[in-house]
C-alpha atoms as a PDB file:
ATOM      1  CA  MET A   1     110.002  77.891  98.119  1.00  0.00           C
ATOM      2  CA  SER A   2     106.311  78.479  96.624  1.00  0.00           C
ATOM      3  CA  ILE A   3     103.740  80.522  98.476  1.00  0.00           C
ATOM      4  CA  ASP A   4     100.620  79.159  99.058  1.00  0.00           C
ATOM      5  CA  LEU A   5      98.420  81.837  97.610  1.00  0.00           C
ATOM      6  CA  THR A   6      95.074  80.395  98.813  1.00  0.00           C
ATOM      7  CA  GLY A   7      96.045  80.965 102.670  1.00  0.00           C
ATOM      8  CA  GLY A   8      93.652  78.018 103.397  1.00  0.00           C
ATOM      9  CA  TYR A   9      90.655  80.052 101.805  1.00  0.00           C
ATOM     10  CA  ASP A  10      88.209  78.261  99.681  1.00  0.00           C
ATOM     11  CA  PRO A  11      88.745  79.627  95.898  1.00  0.00           C
ATOM     12  CA  SER A  12      84.851  79.625  95.524  1.00  0.00           C
ATOM     13  CA  PHE A  13      84.872  82.986  97.690  1.00  0.00           C
ATOM     14  CA  ASP A  14      86.704  84.858  94.737  1.00  0.00           C
ATOM     15  CA  TYR A  15      84.006  84.375  92.296  1.00  0.00           C
ATOM     16  CA  PRO A  16      81.256  86.788  91.798  1.00  0.00           C
ATOM     17  CA  LEU A  17      77.606  85.946  92.999  1.00  0.00           C
ATOM     18  CA  SER A  18      75.702  83.978  90.111  1.00  0.00           C
ATOM     19  CA  GLY A  19      72.466  85.717  89.859  1.00  0.00           C
ATOM     20  CA  ARG A  20      70.620  88.297  91.563  1.00  0.00           C
ATOM     21  CA  PRO A  21      70.346  87.536  95.418  1.00  0.00           C
ATOM     22  CA  GLU A  22      67.031  87.181  97.014  1.00  0.00           C
ATOM     23  CA  ASN A  23      67.854  89.383 100.056  1.00  0.00           C
ATOM     24  CA  PRO A  24      67.718  93.208  98.597  1.00  0.00           C
ATOM     25  CA  LYS A  25      70.238  94.481 100.701  1.00  0.00           C
ATOM     26  CA  MET A  26      72.881  91.944  99.618  1.00  0.00           C
ATOM     27  CA  ARG A  27      75.765  93.216  97.744  1.00  0.00           C
ATOM     28  CA  ASP A  28      78.240  91.987  95.468  1.00  0.00           C
ATOM     29  CA  SER A  29      81.648  93.887  95.370  1.00  0.00           C
ATOM     30  CA  VAL A  30      85.342  93.892  93.775  1.00  0.00           C
ATOM     31  CA  SER A  31      87.691  96.605  93.997  1.00  0.00           C
ATOM     32  CA  MET A  32      91.484  97.155  93.084  1.00  0.00           C
ATOM     33  CA  TRP A  33      93.817  99.767  94.339  1.00  0.00           C
ATOM     34  CA  ILE A  34      96.968  99.950  92.005  1.00  0.00           C
ATOM     35  CA  GLN A  35     100.294 101.764  92.414  1.00  0.00           C
ATOM     36  CA  ASN A  36     102.787 102.199  89.561  1.00  0.00           C
ATOM     37  CA  ASN A  37     106.583 101.504  90.780  1.00  0.00           C
ATOM     38  CA  SER A  38     107.625 104.781  89.269  1.00  0.00           C
ATOM     39  CA  GLY A  39     105.101 106.688  91.210  1.00  0.00           C
ATOM     40  CA  ASP A  40     103.972 108.799  88.184  1.00  0.00           C
ATOM     41  CA  PHE A  41     100.370 107.982  88.885  1.00  0.00           C
ATOM     42  CA  GLY A  42      98.021 105.744  90.769  1.00  0.00           C
ATOM     43  CA  LEU A  43      94.659 104.393  90.677  1.00  0.00           C
ATOM     44  CA  PRO A  44      93.439 104.700  94.380  1.00  0.00           C
ATOM     45  CA  ARG A  45      90.292 102.579  94.156  1.00  0.00           C
ATOM     46  CA  PHE A  46      88.593 101.085  91.093  1.00  0.00           C
ATOM     47  CA  CYS A  47      85.291  99.559  92.733  1.00  0.00           C
ATOM     48  CA  ILE A  48      81.874  97.976  91.484  1.00  0.00           C
ATOM     49  CA  GLU A  49      79.063  97.946  94.153  1.00  0.00           C
ATOM     50  CA  ALA A  50      75.639  95.729  93.003  1.00  0.00           C
ATOM     51  CA  VAL A  51      72.728  95.882  95.602  1.00  0.00           C
ATOM     52  CA  ALA A  52      70.366  93.031  94.964  1.00  0.00           C
ATOM     53  CA  GLY A  53      67.366  95.674  95.398  1.00  0.00           C
ATOM     54  CA  GLU A  54      68.583  97.281  92.343  1.00  0.00           C
ATOM     55  CA  TRP A  55      70.712  94.845  90.221  1.00  0.00           C
ATOM     56  CA  HIS A  56      70.742  96.962  87.301  1.00  0.00           C
ATOM     57  CA  ASN A  57      71.620 100.185  88.984  1.00  0.00           C
ATOM     58  CA  ARG A  58      75.370  99.454  90.156  1.00  0.00           C
ATOM     59  CA  GLY A  59      77.729 102.150  91.524  1.00  0.00           C
ATOM     60  CA  ILE A  60      81.265 102.802  90.109  1.00  0.00           C
ATOM     61  CA  GLU A  61      84.201 104.459  91.666  1.00  0.00           C
ATOM     62  CA  ALA A  62      87.202 105.073  89.571  1.00  0.00           C
ATOM     63  CA  ASN A  63      90.115 107.221  90.709  1.00  0.00           C
ATOM     64  CA  ILE A  64      93.153 108.393  88.952  1.00  0.00           C
ATOM     65  CA  ALA A  65      95.568 110.408  90.834  1.00  0.00           C
ATOM     66  CA  PHE A  66      98.981 112.293  89.928  1.00  0.00           C
ATOM     67  CA  PRO A  67     101.835 113.590  92.243  1.00  0.00           C
ATOM     68  CA  ASP A  68     100.952 117.160  91.005  1.00  0.00           C
ATOM     69  CA  GLY A  69      97.442 117.012  92.565  1.00  0.00           C
ATOM     70  CA  ARG A  70      95.520 116.254  89.270  1.00  0.00           C
ATOM     71  CA  VAL A  71      92.837 113.752  89.650  1.00  0.00           C
ATOM     72  CA  LEU A  72      90.514 111.879  86.877  1.00  0.00           C
ATOM     73  CA  ILE A  73      87.249 110.604  88.485  1.00  0.00           C
ATOM     74  CA  GLY A  74      85.178 107.880  86.727  1.00  0.00           C
ATOM     75  CA  ALA A  75      82.461 107.687  89.364  1.00  0.00           C
ATOM     76  CA  GLY A  76      78.665 107.109  88.614  1.00  0.00           C
ATOM     77  CA  GLY A  77      75.825 104.617  88.507  1.00  0.00           C
ATOM     78  CA  PHE A  78      75.571 102.300  85.433  1.00  0.00           C
ATOM     79  CA  ASP A  79      73.625  99.169  84.157  1.00  0.00           C
ATOM     80  CA  PHE A  80      75.607  95.983  83.563  1.00  0.00           C
ATOM     81  CA  ALA A  81      76.014  93.619  80.581  1.00  0.00           C
ATOM     82  CA  GLU A  82      75.501  89.815  80.602  1.00  0.00           C
ATOM     83  CA  PRO A  83      78.413  88.259  82.662  1.00  0.00           C
ATOM     84  CA  LYS A  84      81.154  86.350  81.198  1.00  0.00           C
ATOM     85  CA  LEU A  85      80.870  82.485  81.906  1.00  0.00           C
ATOM     86  CA  ARG A  86      83.657  79.916  81.916  1.00  0.00           C
ATOM     87  CA  ASP A  87      82.997  76.095  82.514  1.00  0.00           C
ATOM     88  CA  GLY A  88      79.542  77.297  83.370  1.00  0.00           C
ATOM     89  CA  ARG A  89      80.402  79.381  86.092  1.00  0.00           C
ATOM     90  CA  GLN A  90      80.178  83.426  86.174  1.00  0.00           C
ATOM     91  CA  VAL A  91      83.772  84.924  86.282  1.00  0.00           C
ATOM     92  CA  THR A  92      82.884  88.548  85.718  1.00  0.00           C
ATOM     93  CA  LEU A  93      81.351  91.406  87.700  1.00  0.00           C
ATOM     94  CA  ASN A  94      80.520  94.382  85.495  1.00  0.00           C
ATOM     95  CA  ALA A  95      79.138  97.789  85.434  1.00  0.00           C
ATOM     96  CA  GLY A  96      79.198 100.408  82.378  1.00  0.00           C
ATOM     97  CA  PRO A  97      82.807 100.878  81.600  1.00  0.00           C
ATOM     98  CA  LEU A  98      84.327  98.795  84.429  1.00  0.00           C
ATOM     99  CA  THR A  99      84.873  95.071  84.396  1.00  0.00           C
ATOM    100  CA  PHE A 100      86.473  92.741  86.826  1.00  0.00           C
ATOM    101  CA  GLU A 101      87.372  89.127  85.457  1.00  0.00           C
ATOM    102  CA  VAL A 102      88.630  85.998  87.636  1.00  0.00           C
ATOM    103  CA  ILE A 103      91.279  84.323  85.422  1.00  0.00           C
ATOM    104  CA  GLU A 104      92.205  82.000  88.363  1.00  0.00           C
ATOM    105  CA  PRO A 105      90.654  82.326  91.855  1.00  0.00           C
ATOM    106  CA  LEU A 106      93.206  83.617  94.503  1.00  0.00           C
ATOM    107  CA  ARG A 107      95.955  83.952  91.791  1.00  0.00           C
ATOM    108  CA  HIS A 108      94.962  85.648  88.672  1.00  0.00           C
ATOM    109  CA  TRP A 109      92.395  88.447  88.055  1.00  0.00           C
ATOM    110  CA  ARG A 110      91.974  91.243  85.107  1.00  0.00           C
ATOM    111  CA  MET A 111      90.379  94.661  85.209  1.00  0.00           C
ATOM    112  CA  THR A 112      89.455  96.857  82.313  1.00  0.00           C
ATOM    113  CA  PHE A 113      87.979 100.121  82.089  1.00  0.00           C
ATOM    114  CA  ASP A 114      86.839 102.087  78.972  1.00  0.00           C
ATOM    115  CA  GLY A 115      84.850 105.253  79.892  1.00  0.00           C
ATOM    116  CA  SER A 116      84.445 108.949  80.612  1.00  0.00           C
ATOM    117  CA  ALA A 117      86.131 110.478  83.820  1.00  0.00           C
ATOM    118  CA  TYR A 118      86.049 114.197  84.692  1.00  0.00           C
ATOM    119  CA  GLU A 119      89.463 116.098  85.499  1.00  0.00           C
ATOM    120  CA  THR A 120      90.019 118.348  88.696  1.00  0.00           C
ATOM    121  CA  THR A 121      92.562 118.625  91.349  1.00  0.00           C
ATOM    122  CA  VAL A 122      92.683 116.923  94.826  1.00  0.00           C
ATOM    123  CA  PHE A 123      92.756 120.635  96.292  1.00  0.00           C
ATOM    124  CA  ASP A 124      89.609 121.394  94.489  1.00  0.00           C
ATOM    125  CA  GLN A 125      88.200 118.201  95.701  1.00  0.00           C
ATOM    126  CA  ALA A 126      88.584 119.308  99.344  1.00  0.00           C
ATOM    127  CA  LYS A 127      86.557 122.147  98.639  1.00  0.00           C
ATOM    128  CA  GLY A 128      83.714 119.999  97.408  1.00  0.00           C
ATOM    129  CA  VAL A 129      84.118 120.174  93.746  1.00  0.00           C
ATOM    130  CA  THR A 130      82.679 117.140  91.936  1.00  0.00           C
ATOM    131  CA  ASP A 131      82.858 117.885  88.243  1.00  0.00           C
ATOM    132  CA  GLY A 132      85.048 119.188  85.409  1.00  0.00           C
ATOM    133  CA  PRO A 133      86.215 118.610  81.890  1.00  0.00           C
ATOM    134  CA  ARG A 134      85.776 114.992  80.480  1.00  0.00           C
ATOM    135  CA  ARG A 135      88.008 112.969  79.188  1.00  0.00           C
ATOM    136  CA  ARG A 136      87.804 109.136  77.817  1.00  0.00           C
ATOM    137  CA  VAL A 137      90.140 106.873  79.768  1.00  0.00           C
ATOM    138  CA  ARG A 138      90.952 103.210  78.622  1.00  0.00           C
ATOM    139  CA  ILE A 139      92.932 101.006  81.476  1.00  0.00           C
ATOM    140  CA  GLU A 140      93.998  97.163  81.141  1.00  0.00           C
ATOM    141  CA  VAL A 141      95.334  95.489  84.237  1.00  0.00           C
ATOM    142  CA  ASP A 142      96.693  91.844  84.644  1.00  0.00           C
ATOM    143  CA  ALA A 143      97.235  91.193  88.181  1.00  0.00           C
ATOM    144  CA  HIS A 144      99.087  88.333  89.709  1.00  0.00           C
ATOM    145  CA  MET A 145      98.493  87.699  93.321  1.00  0.00           C
ATOM    146  CA  ALA A 146     101.840  87.756  95.479  1.00  0.00           C
ATOM    147  CA  ALA A 147     100.596  86.956  99.050  1.00  0.00           C
ATOM    148  CA  PRO A 148      97.630  84.979 100.646  1.00  0.00           C
ATOM    149  CA  PRO A 149      94.267  86.783 101.435  1.00  0.00           C
ATOM    150  CA  TRP A 150      93.684  88.376 104.770  1.00  0.00           C
ATOM    151  CA  ILE A 151      90.326  89.605 106.438  1.00  0.00           C
ATOM    152  CA  MET A 152      89.794  91.691 109.448  1.00  0.00           C
ATOM    153  CA  GLY A 153      89.576  89.331 112.363  1.00  0.00           C
ATOM    154  CA  GLU A 154      91.421  86.487 110.771  1.00  0.00           C
ATOM    155  CA  SER A 155      94.080  86.431 113.702  1.00  0.00           C
ATOM    156  CA  LEU A 156      91.022  85.560 116.142  1.00  0.00           C
ATOM    157  CA  ALA A 157      89.014  83.517 113.717  1.00  0.00           C
ATOM    158  CA  GLY A 158      92.088  81.505 112.777  1.00  0.00           C
ATOM    159  CA  LYS A 159      92.263  80.324 116.419  1.00  0.00           C
ATOM    160  CA  THR A 160      88.682  78.652 116.252  1.00  0.00           C
ATOM    161  CA  ASP A 161      87.947  77.113 112.836  1.00  0.00           C
ATOM    162  CA  ALA A 162      88.329  77.366 109.261  1.00  0.00           C
ATOM    163  CA  THR A 163      84.417  78.370 109.020  1.00  0.00           C
ATOM    164  CA  ALA A 164      84.923  81.388 111.157  1.00  0.00           C
ATOM    165  CA  LYS A 165      87.743  82.267 109.326  1.00  0.00           C
ATOM    166  CA  ALA A 166      85.740  82.410 106.088  1.00  0.00           C
ATOM    167  CA  VAL A 167      82.930  84.560 107.612  1.00  0.00           C
ATOM    168  CA  GLY A 168      84.857  87.773 108.005  1.00  0.00           C
ATOM    169  CA  ALA A 169      84.547  90.474 110.608  1.00  0.00           C
ATOM    170  CA  VAL A 170      82.544  93.178 108.406  1.00  0.00           C
ATOM    171  CA  GLY A 171      78.950  92.340 106.993  1.00  0.00           C
ATOM    172  CA  GLY A 172      79.172  88.914 105.310  1.00  0.00           C
ATOM    173  CA  HIS A 173      82.451  87.965 103.649  1.00  0.00           C
ATOM    174  CA  ARG A 174      85.419  90.421 102.735  1.00  0.00           C
ATOM    175  CA  HIS A 175      88.930  89.387 101.794  1.00  0.00           C
ATOM    176  CA  GLU A 176      91.734  91.403 100.505  1.00  0.00           C
ATOM    177  CA  GLN A 177      94.843  90.277  98.713  1.00  0.00           C
ATOM    178  CA  LEU A 178      98.179  91.994  97.654  1.00  0.00           C
ATOM    179  CA  PHE A 179      99.450  91.538  93.736  1.00  0.00           C
ATOM    180  CA  ARG A 180     101.754  92.689  91.301  1.00  0.00           C
ATOM    181  CA  CYS A 181     100.553  93.917  87.929  1.00  0.00           C
ATOM    182  CA  THR A 182     101.307  95.070  84.466  1.00  0.00           C
ATOM    183  CA  GLY A 183      99.144  97.020  82.016  1.00  0.00           C
ATOM    184  CA  SER A 184      98.389 100.380  80.619  1.00  0.00           C
ATOM    185  CA  MET A 185      96.602 103.874  80.753  1.00  0.00           C
ATOM    186  CA  ALA A 186      95.693 105.686  77.900  1.00  0.00           C
ATOM    187  CA  VAL A 187      93.882 109.312  78.714  1.00  0.00           C
ATOM    188  CA  GLU A 188      92.443 111.064  75.648  1.00  0.00           C
ATOM    189  CA  GLY A 189      94.801 113.558  74.252  1.00  0.00           C
ATOM    190  CA  GLU A 190      97.943 112.026  76.086  1.00  0.00           C
ATOM    191  CA  ALA A 191     100.529 109.679  75.326  1.00  0.00           C
ATOM    192  CA  GLU A 192      99.741 106.013  76.751  1.00  0.00           C
ATOM    193  CA  ARG A 193     101.236 105.251  79.979  1.00  0.00           C
ATOM    194  CA  PRO A 194     102.548 101.780  81.104  1.00  0.00           C
ATOM    195  CA  ILE A 195     101.646 100.284  84.246  1.00  0.00           C
ATOM    196  CA  ASP A 196     104.089  98.026  86.083  1.00  0.00           C
ATOM    197  CA  GLY A 197     103.412  98.065  89.818  1.00  0.00           C
ATOM    198  CA  THR A 198     101.496  96.605  92.848  1.00  0.00           C
ATOM    199  CA  GLY A 199      98.138  96.685  93.883  1.00  0.00           C
ATOM    200  CA  LEU A 200      95.349  95.405  96.507  1.00  0.00           C
ATOM    201  CA  ARG A 201      92.293  93.470  95.404  1.00  0.00           C
ATOM    202  CA  ILE A 202      89.150  93.493  97.668  1.00  0.00           C
ATOM    203  CA  ARG A 203      86.272  90.895  97.007  1.00  0.00           C
ATOM    204  CA  ARG A 204      83.284  91.398  99.390  1.00  0.00           C
ATOM    205  CA  PHE A 205      79.597  89.838  99.340  1.00  0.00           C
ATOM    206  CA  GLY A 206      76.973  90.315 102.125  1.00  0.00           C
ATOM    207  CA  ASP A 207      74.692  92.807 103.840  1.00  0.00           C
ATOM    208  CA  ARG A 208      76.625  95.660 104.649  1.00  0.00           C
ATOM    209  CA  ASP A 209      75.786  98.362 107.174  1.00  0.00           C
ATOM    210  CA  VAL A 210      78.633 100.485 108.485  1.00  0.00           C
ATOM    211  CA  GLY A 211      76.245 102.392 110.957  1.00  0.00           C
ATOM    212  CA  GLU A 212      77.911 105.252 112.921  1.00  0.00           C
ATOM    213  CA  PHE A 213      81.280 105.053 111.351  1.00  0.00           C
ATOM    214  CA  PRO A 214      83.818 106.583 113.679  1.00  0.00           C
ATOM    215  CA  GLY A 215      86.525 107.030 111.179  1.00  0.00           C
ATOM    216  CA  HIS A 216      89.394 104.451 110.180  1.00  0.00           C
ATOM    217  CA  CYS A 217      92.948 104.324 108.721  1.00  0.00           C
ATOM    218  CA  TRP A 218      93.647 101.360 106.022  1.00  0.00           C
ATOM    219  CA  MET A 219      96.998 100.613 104.790  1.00  0.00           C
ATOM    220  CA  SER A 220      98.960  98.121 102.947  1.00  0.00           C
ATOM    221  CA  ALA A 221     102.104  97.593 100.674  1.00  0.00           C
ATOM    222  CA  LEU A 222     103.962  94.618  98.817  1.00  0.00           C
ATOM    223  CA  PHE A 223     107.593  95.243  98.877  1.00  0.00           C
ATOM    224  CA  PRO A 224     110.088  93.964  96.118  1.00  0.00           C
ATOM    225  CA  SER A 225     111.467  91.096  98.283  1.00  0.00           C
ATOM    226  CA  GLY A 226     107.690  89.946  98.671  1.00  0.00           C
ATOM    227  CA  LYS A 227     107.420  90.984 102.204  1.00  0.00           C
ATOM    228  CA  ALA A 228     104.177  92.819 102.953  1.00  0.00           C
ATOM    229  CA  PHE A 229     102.245  94.726 105.415  1.00  0.00           C
ATOM    230  CA  GLY A 230      98.506  95.540 105.937  1.00  0.00           C
ATOM    231  CA  LEU A 231      96.367  96.987 108.630  1.00  0.00           C
ATOM    232  CA  ASN A 232      92.773  98.424 109.284  1.00  0.00           C
ATOM    233  CA  ALA A 233      92.390 100.534 112.579  1.00  0.00           C
ATOM    234  CA  PHE A 234      89.647 102.550 114.107  1.00  0.00           C
ATOM    235  CA  PRO A 235      90.591 105.955 115.880  1.00  0.00           C
ATOM    236  CA  PRO A 236      90.974 106.225 119.532  1.00  0.00           C
ATOM    237  CA  ARG A 237      87.864 106.658 121.621  1.00  0.00           C
ATOM    238  CA  LEU A 238      87.185 110.274 122.848  1.00  0.00           C
ATOM    239  CA  ASP A 239      88.384 109.292 126.054  1.00  0.00           C
ATOM    240  CA  GLY A 240      91.834 108.420 124.707  1.00  0.00           C
ATOM    241  CA  THR A 241      91.556 104.762 125.052  1.00  0.00           C
ATOM    242  CA  PRO A 242      92.579 102.535 122.053  1.00  0.00           C
ATOM    243  CA  ALA A 243      89.906 101.173 119.727  1.00  0.00           C
ATOM    244  CA  TRP A 244      90.048  98.095 117.551  1.00  0.00           C
ATOM    245  CA  SER A 245      92.901  97.509 115.281  1.00  0.00           C
ATOM    246  CA  GLU A 246      94.547  94.540 113.607  1.00  0.00           C
ATOM    247  CA  ALA A 247      97.586  94.247 111.467  1.00  0.00           C
ATOM    248  CA  PHE A 248      99.822  91.619 109.623  1.00  0.00           C
ATOM    249  CA  VAL A 249     103.350  91.385 108.379  1.00  0.00           C
ATOM    250  CA  PHE A 250     104.157  88.786 105.697  1.00  0.00           C
ATOM    251  CA  ASP A 251     107.866  87.655 105.694  1.00  0.00           C
ATOM    252  CA  GLY A 252     107.340  85.896 102.159  1.00  0.00           C
ATOM    253  CA  ARG A 253     106.184  82.693 103.643  1.00  0.00           C
ATOM    254  CA  GLU A 254     103.606  83.379 106.484  1.00  0.00           C
ATOM    255  CA  LYS A 255     101.617  86.083 108.031  1.00  0.00           C
ATOM    256  CA  LYS A 256     102.300  87.495 111.557  1.00  0.00           C
ATOM    257  CA  TYR A 257      99.542  89.163 113.314  1.00  0.00           C
ATOM    258  CA  GLY A 258      99.181  92.210 115.631  1.00  0.00           C
ATOM    259  CA  LYS A 259      97.883  95.586 116.340  1.00  0.00           C
ATOM    260  CA  VAL A 260      98.512  99.241 115.474  1.00  0.00           C
ATOM    261  CA  ILE A 261     100.262 101.205 118.168  1.00  0.00           C
ATOM    262  CA  GLU A 262     100.652 104.571 116.106  1.00  0.00           C
ATOM    263  CA  ALA A 263      98.655 105.493 112.982  1.00  0.00           C
ATOM    264  CA  PRO A 264      98.439 108.587 110.770  1.00  0.00           C
ATOM    265  CA  TRP A 265      95.059 109.635 111.720  1.00  0.00           C
ATOM    266  CA  MET A 266      93.597 112.156 109.305  1.00  0.00           C
ATOM    267  CA  THR A 267      93.734 115.229 111.663  1.00  0.00           C
ATOM    268  CA  ARG A 268      94.980 117.027 108.776  1.00  0.00           C
ATOM    269  CA  PHE A 269      95.441 116.506 105.011  1.00  0.00           C
ATOM    270  CA  GLU A 270      98.501 116.825 103.049  1.00  0.00           C
ATOM    271  CA  PRO A 271      97.709 114.929  99.679  1.00  0.00           C
ATOM    272  CA  VAL A 272     101.448 115.113  98.323  1.00  0.00           C
ATOM    273  CA  ASP A 273     104.267 114.347 100.631  1.00  0.00           C
ATOM    274  CA  GLY A 274     102.477 114.409 103.829  1.00  0.00           C
ATOM    275  CA  PRO A 275     103.666 112.035 106.564  1.00  0.00           C
ATOM    276  CA  CYS A 276     101.717 108.680 107.170  1.00  0.00           C
ATOM    277  CA  ASP A 277     104.115 106.960 109.289  1.00  0.00           C
ATOM    278  CA  LEU A 278     103.054 103.922 111.569  1.00  0.00           C
ATOM    279  CA  LEU A 279     104.071 101.419 114.234  1.00  0.00           C
ATOM    280  CA  LEU A 280     102.701  97.953 114.710  1.00  0.00           C
ATOM    281  CA  GLU A 281     103.130  95.413 117.542  1.00  0.00           C
ATOM    282  CA  LEU A 282     103.096  91.938 116.722  1.00  0.00           C
ATOM    283  CA  ASP A 283     101.657  89.253 118.982  1.00  0.00           C
ATOM    284  CA  ASP A 284     105.291  88.143 119.898  1.00  0.00           C
ATOM    285  CA  GLY A 285     106.129  91.535 121.127  1.00  0.00           C
ATOM    286  CA  GLN A 286     108.262  92.653 118.022  1.00  0.00           C
ATOM    287  CA  ARG A 287     107.573  96.074 117.203  1.00  0.00           C
ATOM    288  CA  VAL A 288     107.733  96.933 113.390  1.00  0.00           C
ATOM    289  CA  ALA A 289     108.092 100.699 112.231  1.00  0.00           C
ATOM    290  CA  VAL A 290     106.922 101.763 108.734  1.00  0.00           C
ATOM    291  CA  THR A 291     107.678 105.181 107.580  1.00  0.00           C
ATOM    292  CA  GLY A 292     105.686 106.766 104.653  1.00  0.00           C
ATOM    293  CA  ARG A 293     104.954 109.827 102.514  1.00  0.00           C
ATOM    294  CA  THR A 294     101.774 110.481 100.553  1.00  0.00           C
ATOM    295  CA  ARG A 295     102.093 110.540  96.720  1.00  0.00           C
ATOM    296  CA  ASN A 296      99.060 110.273  94.575  1.00  0.00           C
ATOM    297  CA  SER A 297      95.817 111.321  96.515  1.00  0.00           C
ATOM    298  CA  THR A 298      92.096 112.030  95.971  1.00  0.00           C
ATOM    299  CA  PHE A 299      89.720 113.386  98.337  1.00  0.00           C
ATOM    300  CA  ILE A 300      85.982 113.296  99.132  1.00  0.00           C
ATOM    301  CA  ALA A 301      84.664 116.209 101.031  1.00  0.00           C
ATOM    302  CA  LYS A 302      81.984 115.482 103.658  1.00  0.00           C
ATOM    303  CA  GLY A 303      78.515 115.486 101.962  1.00  0.00           C
ATOM    304  CA  SER A 304      79.958 114.670  98.504  1.00  0.00           C
ATOM    305  CA  PRO A 305      79.124 111.291  97.004  1.00  0.00           C
ATOM    306  CA  MET A 306      81.673 108.635  96.581  1.00  0.00           C
ATOM    307  CA  PHE A 307      79.971 106.727  93.594  1.00  0.00           C
ATOM    308  CA  GLY A 308      79.175 110.038  91.651  1.00  0.00           C
ATOM    309  CA  ASP A 309      75.613 110.101  90.444  1.00  0.00           C
ATOM    310  CA  TRP A 310      74.619 106.848  91.501  1.00  0.00           C
ATOM    311  CA  THR A 311      70.955 106.989  92.721  1.00  0.00           C
ATOM    312  CA  PHE A 312      70.487 103.619  94.473  1.00  0.00           C
ATOM    313  CA  GLU A 313      67.788 103.814  97.456  1.00  0.00           C
ATOM    314  CA  GLY A 314      67.320 107.338  96.481  1.00  0.00           C
ATOM    315  CA  GLY A 315      70.659 108.733  96.594  1.00  0.00           C
ATOM    316  CA  PRO A 316      73.305 109.791  95.517  1.00  0.00           C
ATOM    317  CA  HIS A 317      74.639 109.221  99.199  1.00  0.00           C
ATOM    318  CA  GLY A 318      77.174 111.980 100.384  1.00  0.00           C
ATOM    319  CA  VAL A 319      80.032 110.643 102.672  1.00  0.00           C
ATOM    320  CA  ALA A 320      79.498 111.353 106.360  1.00  0.00           C
ATOM    321  CA  LEU A 321      83.429 111.896 106.842  1.00  0.00           C
ATOM    322  CA  PRO A 322      85.756 113.279 104.535  1.00  0.00           C
ATOM    323  CA  PHE A 323      87.698 110.554 102.951  1.00  0.00           C
ATOM    324  CA  HIS A 324      91.367 110.433 101.778  1.00  0.00           C
ATOM    325  CA  GLN A 325      91.797 107.579  99.186  1.00  0.00           C
ATOM    326  CA  GLY A 326      95.490 107.384  97.602  1.00  0.00           C
ATOM    327  CA  ASP A 327      98.763 105.894  97.676  1.00  0.00           C
ATOM    328  CA  ALA A 328     102.183 106.392  99.682  1.00  0.00           C
ATOM    329  CA  LEU A 329     105.778 105.486  99.332  1.00  0.00           C
ATOM    330  CA  TYR A 330     106.322 103.317 102.554  1.00  0.00           C
ATOM    331  CA  THR A 331     109.813 101.931 103.731  1.00  0.00           C
ATOM    332  CA  MET A 332     109.918  98.937 106.008  1.00  0.00           C
ATOM    333  CA  GLY A 333     113.076  97.018 107.014  1.00  0.00           C
ATOM    334  CA  GLY A 334     115.249  99.031 104.528  1.00  0.00           C
ATOM    335  CA  GLU A 335     112.675  98.399 101.333  1.00  0.00           C
ATOM    336  CA  SER A 336     110.520 100.817  99.925  1.00  0.00           C
ATOM    337  CA  ALA A 337     107.458 100.537  97.796  1.00  0.00           C
ATOM    338  CA  TYR A 338     104.321 102.282  96.948  1.00  0.00           C
ATOM    339  CA  GLY A 339     101.258 101.281  98.596  1.00  0.00           C
ATOM    340  CA  MET A 340      97.522 102.145  99.337  1.00  0.00           C
ATOM    341  CA  ILE A 341      95.999 104.292 102.024  1.00  0.00           C
ATOM    342  CA  GLU A 342      92.525 105.057 102.860  1.00  0.00           C
ATOM    343  CA  ARG A 343      91.672 107.220 105.628  1.00  0.00           C
ATOM    344  CA  SER A 344      88.731 109.051 107.327  1.00  0.00           C
ATOM    345  CA  LEU A 345      87.947 111.174 110.475  1.00  0.00           C
ATOM    346  CA  PRO A 346      85.174 113.271 111.632  1.00  0.00           C
ATOM    347  CA  VAL A 347      85.758 116.949 111.228  1.00  0.00           C
ATOM    348  CA  ASP A 348      85.434 117.925 114.606  1.00  0.00           C
ATOM    349  CA  ARG A 349      88.473 115.918 115.573  1.00  0.00           C
ATOM    350  CA  TRP A 350      90.807 117.663 112.780  1.00  0.00           C
ATOM    351  CA  GLU A 351      93.641 119.773 113.843  1.00  0.00           C
ATOM    352  CA  VAL A 352      93.761 121.742 110.605  1.00  0.00           C
ATOM    353  CA  LEU A 353      90.631 121.692 108.402  1.00  0.00           C
ATOM    354  CA  PRO A 354      91.030 120.932 104.495  1.00  0.00           C
END
C-alpha cells in the first residue's frame, strides 16, 4: 500500500518564496537534520534563514557532530547566488556554501554544502567556545520523503478545515517531514564518509517572533519499518502545571495524535549516552513509550550566536537560552533508529549546570 506523502497539503508550500517579500520581517527558511544509520556522525541542523529586510544577508547554521564529542560548525552570514529555476519556478534556496533544492515537492529534495567549518568539541561549546581550526567540508545529500508532513497544531486544525491546517501554529507556515537519505561527506584531510540514514526537513516562511521563549523539547525519528514519531513540547509552568505539547505516531499509513506525558527536559546536559526517554499519550488513550540515548551532540551556550557572525538587524544575536541540537538512538515498539533532538531550558531551571 502506497503512502500519501502529501498528507493533504498543498505542494506549492514546499517551494521557496519567489523574490524578496515586501514585509521586511518576512522570513524564508529551510532546514534539515540528518542522522547516519551507523551513528558514526550526525548533521544536527543545516539551516538557511533569509529575512526580507536584509535579503542579501542570510544566516546559515551548519552543524556536524561525532560520538567522541568532536564538532564542526559552519555557521555564519552570507550573500546568495541567483536561484535555480525549473519550468519558470524557483526551486532553490541558497546562501554562501549551502543550497537546498526541491526536486519534487513533498517527495524529493537535495542539499549541498561546500565551505569552511571550524573544529571544536561539544564540551568546549558548553563553555562558550565559538571558534577553532578551519576545515573545508563538502556534503551532498539526496533526501526522499518517507512520511506525510506534520505541523504543530495540526491535530486541532485538521478538525476545522484545510485552510486552518495550512496556516500552522507558529508565525506563518511551517511543516516538517521525515525522510530517508543517501550521500557523502568529505572533511579536509580525512577519508570521505558515506551517508545512509534518515532525517527531518523543515519548511518555514512567515513573520516570526518567538517572544519570551520558555524552553522546549523537539524530537522525532523514522524507524526501519516506516513507523515514526514526532513531538514538540514546552516545559511545565513554574507552578508545575503542564504546558502545551503535541505529538504524533505514524504507523506507516496514518498519523495518530496525542500529547507528551514525560519528556527529557534539559535540566542537565549529557551529550553522549545521556538519557532522553519520553512517554506519549494518544487521543485514544493509548500510551507509547520511547527510550532514547544521546549520540552526536552540539551545544550553544547562553549568549552565544546560533548563526555565527550573521549580523542581521545589528546582530550577531546570542541565544537567550542554552540549546542542545543533536541526535539520539531511539527505541519504540522493539525497533531502534537514530533521530533528531533539540532542547532548551532557562539556566535557573537546571539541576546541574553545564
